[in-house]
Amino acid sequence: MFRADPHYPRIILSFVYRGYQIQVEQEEANDQVIYSAWANYAVGCAVAVPIAYSRSETIRRAKLWVDRRCQ
């Protein structure tokens, strides 16, 4: 029997940048802390950073993702 194991994100930081609500998530995989970032906006959401290995790298890359879409 297949059992779905739901994923509940652990949001550790949330902030608004250029009209996007950025949510930074922290997880642990293979004894390694990893981060990802979601970008929420008026018409939907997207994974801005699928994987990063530090909180500061995640924030920097999420802002860069937003900057590229706002050009």
N, C-alpha and C. Protein backbone atom coordinates (compact mmCIF):
# COMPACT_ATOMS: atom_id res chain seq x y z
N MET A 1 0.83 -1.18 0.00
CA MET A 1 0.00 0.00 0.00
C MET A 1 0.87 1.25 0.00
N PHE A 2 0.57 2.19 -0.86
CA PHE A 2 1.30 3.44 -0.95
C PHE A 2 0.79 4.42 0.09
N ARG A 3 1.70 5.02 0.82
CA ARG A 3 1.34 6.04 1.81
C ARG A 3 2.04 7.34 1.45
N ALA A 4 1.27 8.34 1.21
CA ALA A 4 1.84 9.65 0.93
C ALA A 4 2.33 10.26 2.24
N ASP A 5 3.51 10.79 2.21
CA ASP A 5 4.07 11.47 3.37
C ASP A 5 4.06 12.96 3.08
N PRO A 6 3.11 13.70 3.63
CA PRO A 6 2.99 15.11 3.28
C PRO A 6 4.20 15.92 3.74
N HIS A 7 4.51 16.93 2.97
CA HIS A 7 5.62 17.82 3.28
C HIS A 7 5.06 19.10 3.89
N TYR A 8 5.49 19.40 5.09
CA TYR A 8 5.08 20.63 5.74
C TYR A 8 6.31 21.53 5.82
N PRO A 9 6.31 22.60 5.06
CA PRO A 9 7.50 23.46 5.05
C PRO A 9 7.74 24.12 6.41
N ARG A 10 9.00 24.27 6.73
CA ARG A 10 9.39 24.96 7.97
C ARG A 10 9.93 26.33 7.56
N ILE A 11 9.04 27.30 7.51
CA ILE A 11 9.40 28.65 7.12
C ILE A 11 10.13 29.31 8.29
N ILE A 12 11.36 29.75 8.04
CA ILE A 12 12.15 30.36 9.11
C ILE A 12 12.27 31.87 8.94
N LEU A 13 11.94 32.36 7.74
CA LEU A 13 12.07 33.78 7.47
C LEU A 13 11.12 34.15 6.35
N SER A 14 10.48 35.29 6.49
CA SER A 14 9.57 35.77 5.47
C SER A 14 9.73 37.28 5.36
N PHE A 15 9.84 37.79 4.14
CA PHE A 15 9.99 39.23 3.95
C PHE A 15 9.46 39.62 2.58
N VAL A 16 9.15 40.90 2.42
CA VAL A 16 8.69 41.42 1.14
C VAL A 16 9.86 42.09 0.44
N TYR A 17 10.03 41.75 -0.84
CA TYR A 17 11.08 42.35 -1.65
C TYR A 17 10.48 42.69 -3.01
N ARG A 18 10.42 43.98 -3.31
CA ARG A 18 9.92 44.49 -4.60
C ARG A 18 8.53 43.94 -4.94
N GLY A 19 7.68 43.83 -3.94
CA GLY A 19 6.32 43.37 -4.15
C GLY A 19 6.13 41.86 -4.08
N TYR A 20 7.18 41.10 -3.94
CA TYR A 20 7.12 39.65 -3.80
C TYR A 20 7.28 39.28 -2.32
N GLN A 21 6.46 38.36 -1.86
CA GLN A 21 6.61 37.83 -0.50
C GLN A 21 7.55 36.64 -0.59
N ILE A 22 8.75 36.78 -0.06
CA ILE A 22 9.75 35.71 -0.10
C ILE A 22 9.66 34.92 1.21
N GLN A 23 9.59 33.60 1.08
CA GLN A 23 9.56 32.72 2.24
C GLN A 23 10.74 31.76 2.15
N VAL A 24 11.58 31.79 3.17
CA VAL A 24 12.76 30.92 3.22
C VAL A 24 12.41 29.72 4.10
N GLU A 25 12.66 28.56 3.55
CA GLU A 25 12.35 27.30 4.21
C GLU A 25 13.65 26.57 4.58
N GLN A 26 13.67 25.90 5.72
CA GLN A 26 14.83 25.14 6.16
C GLN A 26 14.43 23.68 6.34
N GLU A 27 15.25 22.79 5.82
CA GLU A 27 15.03 21.35 5.95
C GLU A 27 16.34 20.67 6.27
N GLU A 28 16.25 19.40 6.57
CA GLU A 28 17.45 18.59 6.75
C GLU A 28 17.34 17.37 5.85
N ALA A 29 18.38 17.14 5.08
CA ALA A 29 18.44 15.99 4.18
C ALA A 29 19.83 15.39 4.26
N ASN A 30 19.91 14.11 4.53
CA ASN A 30 21.19 13.41 4.64
C ASN A 30 22.12 14.11 5.63
N ASP A 31 21.59 14.48 6.77
CA ASP A 31 22.35 15.15 7.84
C ASP A 31 22.94 16.49 7.41
N GLN A 32 22.34 17.11 6.41
CA GLN A 32 22.79 18.41 5.91
C GLN A 32 21.61 19.38 5.96
N VAL A 33 21.82 20.56 6.52
CA VAL A 33 20.78 21.58 6.52
C VAL A 33 20.75 22.22 5.15
N ILE A 34 19.57 22.26 4.55
CA ILE A 34 19.40 22.89 3.25
C ILE A 34 18.26 23.91 3.33
N TYR A 35 18.31 24.86 2.42
CA TYR A 35 17.33 25.93 2.39
C TYR A 35 16.73 26.02 0.99
N SER A 36 15.53 26.55 0.93
CA SER A 36 14.90 26.87 -0.35
C SER A 36 14.09 28.14 -0.14
N ALA A 37 13.69 28.76 -1.23
CA ALA A 37 12.92 30.00 -1.12
C ALA A 37 11.78 29.99 -2.12
N TRP A 38 10.62 30.41 -1.63
CA TRP A 38 9.43 30.57 -2.45
C TRP A 38 9.20 32.06 -2.67
N ALA A 39 8.74 32.41 -3.85
CA ALA A 39 8.37 33.79 -4.16
C ALA A 39 6.87 33.80 -4.44
N ASN A 40 6.13 34.47 -3.59
CA ASN A 40 4.68 34.59 -3.74
C ASN A 40 4.35 35.97 -4.26
N TYR A 41 3.45 36.04 -5.24
CA TYR A 41 3.07 37.32 -5.82
C TYR A 41 1.59 37.29 -6.15
N ALA A 42 1.09 38.36 -6.72
CA ALA A 42 -0.36 38.55 -6.88
C ALA A 42 -1.05 37.41 -7.62
N VAL A 43 -0.42 36.83 -8.61
CA VAL A 43 -1.10 35.82 -9.43
C VAL A 43 -0.59 34.40 -9.22
N GLY A 44 0.26 34.18 -8.22
CA GLY A 44 0.74 32.82 -7.98
C GLY A 44 1.98 32.78 -7.12
N CYS A 45 2.71 31.68 -7.24
CA CYS A 45 3.96 31.53 -6.50
C CYS A 45 4.90 30.65 -7.32
N ALA A 46 6.18 30.74 -6.97
CA ALA A 46 7.19 29.96 -7.69
C ALA A 46 8.32 29.63 -6.73
N VAL A 47 9.03 28.57 -7.03
CA VAL A 47 10.23 28.24 -6.26
C VAL A 47 11.35 29.09 -6.85
N ALA A 48 11.78 30.08 -6.10
CA ALA A 48 12.84 30.98 -6.58
C ALA A 48 14.21 30.33 -6.40
N VAL A 49 14.39 29.60 -5.31
CA VAL A 49 15.66 28.92 -5.03
C VAL A 49 15.33 27.50 -4.59
N PRO A 50 15.57 26.51 -5.45
CA PRO A 50 15.22 25.14 -5.09
C PRO A 50 16.10 24.56 -3.98
N ILE A 51 17.39 24.91 -3.97
CA ILE A 51 18.28 24.39 -2.93
C ILE A 51 19.46 25.34 -2.76
N ALA A 52 19.81 25.55 -1.51
CA ALA A 52 20.98 26.34 -1.15
C ALA A 52 21.49 25.80 0.18
N TYR A 53 22.74 26.14 0.49
CA TYR A 53 23.36 25.56 1.68
C TYR A 53 23.60 26.57 2.81
N SER A 54 23.16 27.81 2.62
CA SER A 54 23.22 28.79 3.71
C SER A 54 22.03 29.73 3.58
N ARG A 55 21.65 30.31 4.69
CA ARG A 55 20.53 31.24 4.70
C ARG A 55 20.85 32.49 3.86
N SER A 56 22.07 33.00 4.00
CA SER A 56 22.44 34.20 3.26
C SER A 56 22.47 33.95 1.75
N GLU A 57 22.96 32.78 1.32
CA GLU A 57 22.95 32.44 -0.10
C GLU A 57 21.52 32.35 -0.62
N THR A 58 20.63 31.79 0.17
CA THR A 58 19.23 31.66 -0.22
C THR A 58 18.59 33.02 -0.42
N ILE A 59 18.82 33.93 0.51
CA ILE A 59 18.25 35.28 0.42
C ILE A 59 18.81 36.01 -0.79
N ARG A 60 20.13 35.94 -0.99
CA ARG A 60 20.76 36.61 -2.13
C ARG A 60 20.20 36.10 -3.45
N ARG A 61 20.08 34.79 -3.58
CA ARG A 61 19.57 34.21 -4.83
C ARG A 61 18.09 34.49 -5.04
N ALA A 62 17.31 34.54 -3.96
CA ALA A 62 15.89 34.86 -4.09
C ALA A 62 15.71 36.30 -4.58
N LYS A 63 16.50 37.23 -4.03
CA LYS A 63 16.44 38.61 -4.49
C LYS A 63 16.86 38.73 -5.95
N LEU A 64 17.87 37.99 -6.34
CA LEU A 64 18.31 37.99 -7.73
C LEU A 64 17.21 37.45 -8.65
N TRP A 65 16.51 36.42 -8.21
CA TRP A 65 15.40 35.86 -8.98
C TRP A 65 14.33 36.91 -9.20
N VAL A 66 13.98 37.65 -8.15
CA VAL A 66 12.98 38.72 -8.26
C VAL A 66 13.50 39.83 -9.18
N ASP A 67 14.74 40.24 -9.00
CA ASP A 67 15.32 41.31 -9.82
C ASP A 67 15.25 40.98 -11.31
N ARG A 68 15.50 39.74 -11.66
CA ARG A 68 15.46 39.33 -13.08
C ARG A 68 14.04 39.43 -13.64
N ARG A 69 13.04 39.21 -12.83
CA ARG A 69 11.65 39.28 -13.31
C ARG A 69 11.11 40.69 -13.33
N CYS A 70 11.75 41.60 -12.61
CA CYS A 70 11.28 42.99 -12.53
C CYS A 70 11.97 43.90 -13.54
N GLN A 71 12.81 43.38 -14.40
CA GLN A 71 13.51 44.20 -15.39
C GLN A 71 12.61 44.58 -16.53
